[in-house]
Amino acid sequence: ESSVSMTIRDCDKTSVLNYHDYSVGVVAPCLTLPLTLAVVVVLPYCWYNLLSSLRKEKESSAVVSLLFGGDLLLHTIFAVCCWIQCIAMVHSNSYVGGISACEFQGWYVGFYVYSELLLGGCVLNTMMMSNTT
């Protein structure tokens, strides 16, 4: 009987804990334009638009609003977790939180990637179904 380990390998644990070059140049995508702009401007704007459209008369179907809200929630969870983790690593110049933070990062990245694929399929299916009616 084989068991699946939910932790990272011992050799990777050592690498994570011994690495100490988390300068701005290394984690620049987290702290520069793409992610910071998303967290500070784009995501709040999208949430505002979604909530505004839900308060108004039905501008889009409930299914589309639900899918958009789910996708937006998924992006918000990923972006905020990643942004906070990057800021902490730059501030301390080491991997903050140790192995448990590394495992959590692995979880939320995996959750983001696989959920995005699922939601993308749902959106595509909804679009195809709406074109046939």
N, C-alpha and C. Protein backbone atom coordinates (compact mmCIF):
# COMPACT_ATOMS: atom_id res chain seq x y z
N GLU A 1 0.85 -1.18 0.00
CA GLU A 1 0.00 0.00 0.00
C GLU A 1 0.89 1.23 0.00
N SER A 2 0.64 2.11 -0.93
CA SER A 2 1.43 3.33 -0.98
C SER A 2 0.63 4.48 -0.37
N SER A 3 1.36 5.36 0.26
CA SER A 3 0.69 6.53 0.83
C SER A 3 1.26 7.78 0.17
N VAL A 4 0.44 8.76 0.01
CA VAL A 4 0.86 10.01 -0.59
C VAL A 4 1.20 10.98 0.52
N SER A 5 2.40 11.51 0.47
CA SER A 5 2.82 12.46 1.48
C SER A 5 2.33 13.85 1.11
N MET A 6 1.82 14.56 2.08
CA MET A 6 1.32 15.91 1.85
C MET A 6 2.36 16.96 2.23
N THR A 7 3.59 16.55 2.40
CA THR A 7 4.64 17.48 2.77
C THR A 7 5.67 17.54 1.64
N ILE A 8 6.56 18.50 1.75
CA ILE A 8 7.61 18.59 0.74
C ILE A 8 8.75 17.63 1.11
N ARG A 9 9.57 17.33 0.12
CA ARG A 9 10.68 16.38 0.33
C ARG A 9 11.71 16.99 1.27
N ASP A 10 12.43 16.12 2.01
CA ASP A 10 13.44 16.59 2.95
C ASP A 10 14.53 17.42 2.28
N CYS A 11 14.95 17.02 1.08
CA CYS A 11 15.98 17.79 0.38
C CYS A 11 15.48 19.19 0.02
N ASP A 12 14.18 19.31 -0.29
CA ASP A 12 13.61 20.62 -0.59
C ASP A 12 13.45 21.46 0.67
N LYS A 13 13.17 20.81 1.80
CA LYS A 13 13.06 21.55 3.07
C LYS A 13 14.37 22.26 3.37
N THR A 14 15.46 21.55 3.20
CA THR A 14 16.78 22.13 3.46
C THR A 14 17.04 23.30 2.53
N SER A 15 16.71 23.15 1.27
CA SER A 15 16.92 24.23 0.30
C SER A 15 16.11 25.47 0.65
N VAL A 16 14.85 25.27 1.03
CA VAL A 16 13.98 26.40 1.37
C VAL A 16 14.51 27.14 2.59
N LEU A 17 14.90 26.38 3.61
CA LEU A 17 15.33 27.01 4.86
C LEU A 17 16.71 27.65 4.76
N ASN A 18 17.55 27.17 3.85
CA ASN A 18 18.91 27.71 3.73
C ASN A 18 19.05 28.81 2.69
N TYR A 19 18.04 29.09 1.92
CA TYR A 19 18.12 30.11 0.89
C TYR A 19 17.88 31.49 1.51
N HIS A 20 18.76 32.45 1.19
CA HIS A 20 18.64 33.78 1.79
C HIS A 20 18.88 34.89 0.78
N ASP A 21 18.27 34.81 -0.37
CA ASP A 21 18.39 35.89 -1.34
C ASP A 21 17.01 36.27 -1.86
N TYR A 22 16.19 36.75 -0.98
CA TYR A 22 14.85 37.19 -1.36
C TYR A 22 14.81 38.71 -1.49
N SER A 23 15.75 39.23 -2.24
CA SER A 23 15.79 40.66 -2.46
C SER A 23 14.69 41.05 -3.45
N VAL A 24 14.48 42.34 -3.62
CA VAL A 24 13.45 42.81 -4.53
C VAL A 24 13.72 42.30 -5.95
N GLY A 25 14.99 42.19 -6.33
CA GLY A 25 15.32 41.70 -7.67
C GLY A 25 14.88 40.26 -7.90
N VAL A 26 14.87 39.46 -6.85
CA VAL A 26 14.49 38.05 -6.97
C VAL A 26 12.98 37.89 -7.02
N VAL A 27 12.27 38.61 -6.18
CA VAL A 27 10.82 38.47 -6.13
C VAL A 27 10.13 39.70 -6.75
N ALA A 28 10.79 40.31 -7.71
CA ALA A 28 10.27 41.53 -8.35
C ALA A 28 8.86 41.38 -8.91
N PRO A 29 8.50 40.25 -9.55
CA PRO A 29 7.12 40.15 -10.06
C PRO A 29 6.06 40.29 -8.97
N CYS A 30 6.40 39.92 -7.76
CA CYS A 30 5.42 40.05 -6.66
C CYS A 30 5.23 41.50 -6.25
N LEU A 31 6.31 42.25 -6.22
CA LEU A 31 6.25 43.58 -5.64
C LEU A 31 6.18 44.69 -6.66
N THR A 32 6.32 44.36 -7.92
CA THR A 32 6.27 45.40 -8.94
C THR A 32 4.89 45.43 -9.58
N LEU A 33 4.84 45.98 -10.73
CA LEU A 33 3.58 46.31 -11.37
C LEU A 33 2.54 45.18 -11.45
N PRO A 34 2.84 44.00 -11.93
CA PRO A 34 1.72 43.08 -12.16
C PRO A 34 0.90 42.75 -10.90
N LEU A 35 1.55 42.24 -9.88
CA LEU A 35 0.79 41.77 -8.73
C LEU A 35 0.33 42.92 -7.84
N THR A 36 1.17 43.91 -7.62
CA THR A 36 0.77 45.04 -6.79
C THR A 36 -0.39 45.79 -7.43
N LEU A 37 -0.33 46.00 -8.72
CA LEU A 37 -1.42 46.66 -9.42
C LEU A 37 -2.71 45.84 -9.30
N ALA A 38 -2.59 44.54 -9.41
CA ALA A 38 -3.76 43.68 -9.30
C ALA A 38 -4.39 43.77 -7.92
N VAL A 39 -3.57 43.70 -6.88
CA VAL A 39 -4.09 43.70 -5.51
C VAL A 39 -4.66 45.06 -5.12
N VAL A 40 -3.99 46.11 -5.52
CA VAL A 40 -4.37 47.45 -5.08
C VAL A 40 -5.46 48.08 -5.95
N VAL A 41 -5.46 47.81 -7.27
CA VAL A 41 -6.38 48.50 -8.17
C VAL A 41 -7.36 47.55 -8.86
N VAL A 42 -6.86 46.55 -9.54
CA VAL A 42 -7.71 45.74 -10.43
C VAL A 42 -8.73 44.91 -9.65
N LEU A 43 -8.30 44.17 -8.64
CA LEU A 43 -9.24 43.33 -7.90
C LEU A 43 -10.32 44.15 -7.19
N PRO A 44 -9.97 45.24 -6.48
CA PRO A 44 -11.05 46.04 -5.88
C PRO A 44 -12.02 46.60 -6.93
N TYR A 45 -11.50 47.02 -8.07
CA TYR A 45 -12.36 47.54 -9.14
C TYR A 45 -13.30 46.44 -9.66
N CYS A 46 -12.80 45.25 -9.84
CA CYS A 46 -13.64 44.14 -10.31
C CYS A 46 -14.71 43.78 -9.28
N TRP A 47 -14.32 43.75 -7.99
CA TRP A 47 -15.31 43.47 -6.95
C TRP A 47 -16.38 44.56 -6.92
N TYR A 48 -15.97 45.81 -7.06
CA TYR A 48 -16.93 46.92 -7.09
C TYR A 48 -17.92 46.74 -8.25
N ASN A 49 -17.40 46.42 -9.42
CA ASN A 49 -18.28 46.23 -10.59
C ASN A 49 -19.22 45.06 -10.40
N LEU A 50 -18.71 43.96 -9.86
CA LEU A 50 -19.58 42.79 -9.65
C LEU A 50 -20.68 43.12 -8.66
N LEU A 51 -20.32 43.71 -7.53
CA LEU A 51 -21.33 44.02 -6.52
C LEU A 51 -22.31 45.09 -7.01
N SER A 52 -21.83 46.04 -7.78
CA SER A 52 -22.72 47.06 -8.35
C SER A 52 -23.71 46.45 -9.32
N SER A 53 -23.25 45.54 -10.15
CA SER A 53 -24.15 44.92 -11.13
C SER A 53 -25.17 44.01 -10.45
N LEU A 54 -24.80 43.42 -9.32
CA LEU A 54 -25.76 42.58 -8.60
C LEU A 54 -26.85 43.42 -7.93
N ARG A 55 -26.51 44.65 -7.54
CA ARG A 55 -27.48 45.54 -6.91
C ARG A 55 -28.46 46.13 -7.92
N LYS A 56 -27.99 46.30 -9.15
CA LYS A 56 -28.85 46.86 -10.20
C LYS A 56 -29.77 45.77 -10.73
N GLU A 57 -30.57 46.16 -11.69
CA GLU A 57 -31.40 45.17 -12.35
C GLU A 57 -30.49 44.16 -13.04
N LYS A 58 -31.02 43.03 -13.30
CA LYS A 58 -30.24 41.96 -13.92
C LYS A 58 -29.62 42.41 -15.24
N GLU A 59 -28.32 42.67 -15.20
CA GLU A 59 -27.61 43.02 -16.44
C GLU A 59 -27.02 41.76 -17.07
N SER A 60 -26.81 40.76 -16.27
CA SER A 60 -26.30 39.49 -16.78
C SER A 60 -26.99 38.36 -16.03
N SER A 61 -26.85 37.18 -16.56
CA SER A 61 -27.53 36.04 -15.94
C SER A 61 -26.89 35.70 -14.60
N ALA A 62 -27.65 35.02 -13.77
CA ALA A 62 -27.16 34.62 -12.46
C ALA A 62 -25.97 33.68 -12.58
N VAL A 63 -25.99 32.83 -13.60
CA VAL A 63 -24.89 31.88 -13.81
C VAL A 63 -23.60 32.62 -14.13
N VAL A 64 -23.69 33.61 -15.00
CA VAL A 64 -22.50 34.39 -15.36
C VAL A 64 -21.97 35.14 -14.14
N SER A 65 -22.85 35.74 -13.36
CA SER A 65 -22.43 36.45 -12.15
C SER A 65 -21.78 35.50 -11.16
N LEU A 66 -22.34 34.32 -11.01
CA LEU A 66 -21.78 33.33 -10.10
C LEU A 66 -20.40 32.88 -10.56
N LEU A 67 -20.25 32.60 -11.84
CA LEU A 67 -18.95 32.19 -12.37
C LEU A 67 -17.92 33.31 -12.25
N PHE A 68 -18.33 34.53 -12.57
CA PHE A 68 -17.43 35.66 -12.44
C PHE A 68 -17.02 35.86 -10.98
N GLY A 69 -17.99 35.77 -10.07
CA GLY A 69 -17.69 35.91 -8.64
C GLY A 69 -16.75 34.82 -8.14
N GLY A 70 -16.96 33.60 -8.58
CA GLY A 70 -16.07 32.50 -8.19
C GLY A 70 -14.67 32.69 -8.71
N ASP A 71 -14.58 33.11 -9.96
CA ASP A 71 -13.26 33.34 -10.55
C ASP A 71 -12.56 34.52 -9.87
N LEU A 72 -13.31 35.54 -9.57
CA LEU A 72 -12.74 36.70 -8.88
C LEU A 72 -12.29 36.34 -7.48
N LEU A 73 -13.06 35.54 -6.77
CA LEU A 73 -12.67 35.07 -5.44
C LEU A 73 -11.38 34.26 -5.52
N LEU A 74 -11.30 33.39 -6.50
CA LEU A 74 -10.10 32.58 -6.69
C LEU A 74 -8.87 33.44 -6.93
N HIS A 75 -8.98 34.43 -7.81
CA HIS A 75 -7.86 35.33 -8.09
C HIS A 75 -7.50 36.17 -6.86
N THR A 76 -8.50 36.58 -6.10
CA THR A 76 -8.25 37.39 -4.91
C THR A 76 -7.48 36.58 -3.86
N ILE A 77 -7.91 35.35 -3.61
CA ILE A 77 -7.21 34.51 -2.63
C ILE A 77 -5.76 34.31 -3.05
N PHE A 78 -5.54 33.95 -4.30
CA PHE A 78 -4.18 33.72 -4.78
C PHE A 78 -3.33 34.98 -4.70
N ALA A 79 -3.85 36.08 -5.22
CA ALA A 79 -3.06 37.31 -5.29
C ALA A 79 -2.70 37.84 -3.91
N VAL A 80 -3.65 37.86 -2.99
CA VAL A 80 -3.38 38.39 -1.66
C VAL A 80 -2.39 37.49 -0.91
N CYS A 81 -2.58 36.18 -0.97
CA CYS A 81 -1.63 35.27 -0.30
C CYS A 81 -0.23 35.43 -0.87
N CYS A 82 -0.11 35.47 -2.16
CA CYS A 82 1.19 35.59 -2.81
C CYS A 82 1.84 36.93 -2.48
N TRP A 83 1.07 37.99 -2.53
CA TRP A 83 1.60 39.33 -2.27
C TRP A 83 2.12 39.45 -0.84
N ILE A 84 1.34 38.98 0.13
CA ILE A 84 1.75 39.03 1.53
C ILE A 84 3.01 38.21 1.75
N GLN A 85 3.05 37.02 1.16
CA GLN A 85 4.22 36.16 1.33
C GLN A 85 5.47 36.79 0.72
N CYS A 86 5.33 37.41 -0.44
CA CYS A 86 6.48 38.05 -1.08
C CYS A 86 6.99 39.24 -0.27
N ILE A 87 6.08 40.04 0.24
CA ILE A 87 6.49 41.18 1.07
C ILE A 87 7.23 40.70 2.31
N ALA A 88 6.73 39.66 2.94
CA ALA A 88 7.39 39.12 4.13
C ALA A 88 8.78 38.58 3.80
N MET A 89 8.93 37.92 2.66
CA MET A 89 10.23 37.37 2.28
C MET A 89 11.23 38.47 1.97
N VAL A 90 10.80 39.52 1.29
CA VAL A 90 11.70 40.63 1.00
C VAL A 90 12.10 41.33 2.29
N HIS A 91 11.15 41.50 3.18
CA HIS A 91 11.42 42.20 4.44
C HIS A 91 12.46 41.45 5.29
N SER A 92 12.35 40.13 5.35
CA SER A 92 13.27 39.36 6.20
C SER A 92 14.43 38.74 5.44
N ASN A 93 14.41 38.81 4.11
CA ASN A 93 15.42 38.21 3.24
C ASN A 93 15.58 36.71 3.50
N SER A 94 14.49 36.07 3.85
CA SER A 94 14.48 34.62 4.02
C SER A 94 13.05 34.13 3.82
N TYR A 95 12.89 32.83 3.74
CA TYR A 95 11.56 32.26 3.56
C TYR A 95 10.83 32.31 4.90
N VAL A 96 9.84 33.15 5.01
CA VAL A 96 9.14 33.36 6.27
C VAL A 96 8.11 32.27 6.48
N GLY A 97 8.05 31.74 7.68
CA GLY A 97 7.03 30.76 8.02
C GLY A 97 7.50 29.32 7.96
N GLY A 98 8.70 29.11 7.47
CA GLY A 98 9.26 27.77 7.44
C GLY A 98 8.52 26.81 6.53
N ILE A 99 8.60 25.56 6.89
CA ILE A 99 8.04 24.48 6.06
C ILE A 99 6.52 24.56 5.97
N SER A 100 5.86 24.92 7.06
CA SER A 100 4.39 24.99 7.00
C SER A 100 3.94 26.07 6.02
N ALA A 101 4.64 27.20 5.95
CA ALA A 101 4.29 28.24 4.97
C ALA A 101 4.56 27.75 3.56
N CYS A 102 5.63 26.99 3.38
CA CYS A 102 5.94 26.44 2.07
C CYS A 102 4.84 25.47 1.61
N GLU A 103 4.40 24.64 2.53
CA GLU A 103 3.33 23.70 2.21
C GLU A 103 2.02 24.43 1.92
N PHE A 104 1.73 25.50 2.67
CA PHE A 104 0.53 26.28 2.40
C PHE A 104 0.63 26.95 1.04
N GLN A 105 1.81 27.45 0.70
CA GLN A 105 2.01 28.06 -0.61
C GLN A 105 1.77 27.04 -1.71
N GLY A 106 2.28 25.83 -1.52
CA GLY A 106 2.03 24.76 -2.49
C GLY A 106 0.55 24.47 -2.63
N TRP A 107 -0.18 24.51 -1.50
CA TRP A 107 -1.61 24.24 -1.54
C TRP A 107 -2.34 25.34 -2.31
N TYR A 108 -2.11 26.61 -1.97
CA TYR A 108 -2.90 27.66 -2.62
C TYR A 108 -2.53 27.84 -4.08
N VAL A 109 -1.29 27.57 -4.45
CA VAL A 109 -0.93 27.64 -5.87
C VAL A 109 -1.61 26.51 -6.64
N GLY A 110 -1.57 25.30 -6.08
CA GLY A 110 -2.24 24.17 -6.72
C GLY A 110 -3.74 24.38 -6.80
N PHE A 111 -4.33 24.88 -5.73
CA PHE A 111 -5.76 25.18 -5.72
C PHE A 111 -6.10 26.19 -6.80
N TYR A 112 -5.29 27.22 -6.91
CA TYR A 112 -5.52 28.26 -7.92
C TYR A 112 -5.45 27.68 -9.34
N VAL A 113 -4.39 26.95 -9.62
CA VAL A 113 -4.19 26.43 -10.98
C VAL A 113 -5.31 25.47 -11.38
N TYR A 114 -5.62 24.51 -10.52
CA TYR A 114 -6.63 23.52 -10.90
C TYR A 114 -8.05 24.08 -10.86
N SER A 115 -8.33 24.98 -9.94
CA SER A 115 -9.66 25.59 -9.89
C SER A 115 -9.88 26.50 -11.09
N GLU A 116 -8.83 27.20 -11.50
CA GLU A 116 -8.95 28.07 -12.68
C GLU A 116 -9.30 27.25 -13.92
N LEU A 117 -8.72 26.08 -14.05
CA LEU A 117 -9.05 25.21 -15.18
C LEU A 117 -10.51 24.78 -15.12
N LEU A 118 -10.98 24.44 -13.95
CA LEU A 118 -12.37 24.02 -13.78
C LEU A 118 -13.33 25.16 -14.09
N LEU A 119 -13.04 26.34 -13.55
CA LEU A 119 -13.90 27.50 -13.81
C LEU A 119 -13.86 27.90 -15.29
N GLY A 120 -12.69 27.79 -15.89
CA GLY A 120 -12.58 28.10 -17.32
C GLY A 120 -13.47 27.18 -18.15
N GLY A 121 -13.50 25.91 -17.79
CA GLY A 121 -14.38 24.97 -18.48
C GLY A 121 -15.84 25.30 -18.27
N CYS A 122 -16.19 25.71 -17.07
CA CYS A 122 -17.58 26.10 -16.80
C CYS A 122 -17.98 27.33 -17.60
N VAL A 123 -17.08 28.31 -17.67
CA VAL A 123 -17.37 29.52 -18.45
C VAL A 123 -17.54 29.17 -19.92
N LEU A 124 -16.64 28.35 -20.45
CA LEU A 124 -16.74 27.94 -21.85
C LEU A 124 -18.06 27.21 -22.11
N ASN A 125 -18.41 26.30 -21.23
CA ASN A 125 -19.66 25.56 -21.38
C ASN A 125 -20.86 26.50 -21.33
N THR A 126 -20.85 27.46 -20.40
CA THR A 126 -21.94 28.42 -20.29
C THR A 126 -22.06 29.26 -21.55
N MET A 127 -20.93 29.69 -22.08
CA MET A 127 -20.95 30.48 -23.31
C MET A 127 -21.49 29.67 -24.47
N MET A 128 -21.07 28.41 -24.57
CA MET A 128 -21.55 27.57 -25.66
C MET A 128 -23.05 27.32 -25.54
N MET A 129 -23.51 27.12 -24.31
CA MET A 129 -24.95 26.86 -24.10
C MET A 129 -25.77 28.11 -24.40
N SER A 130 -25.25 29.29 -24.06
CA SER A 130 -26.01 30.52 -24.31
C SER A 130 -26.06 30.85 -25.80
N ASN A 131 -25.09 30.39 -26.57
CA ASN A 131 -25.09 30.64 -28.02
C ASN A 131 -26.07 29.72 -28.76
N THR A 132 -26.46 28.63 -28.13
CA THR A 132 -27.36 27.69 -28.80
C THR A 132 -28.83 28.02 -28.53
N THR A 133 -29.07 28.90 -27.57
CA THR A 133 -30.48 29.22 -27.24
C THR A 133 -30.92 30.49 -27.91
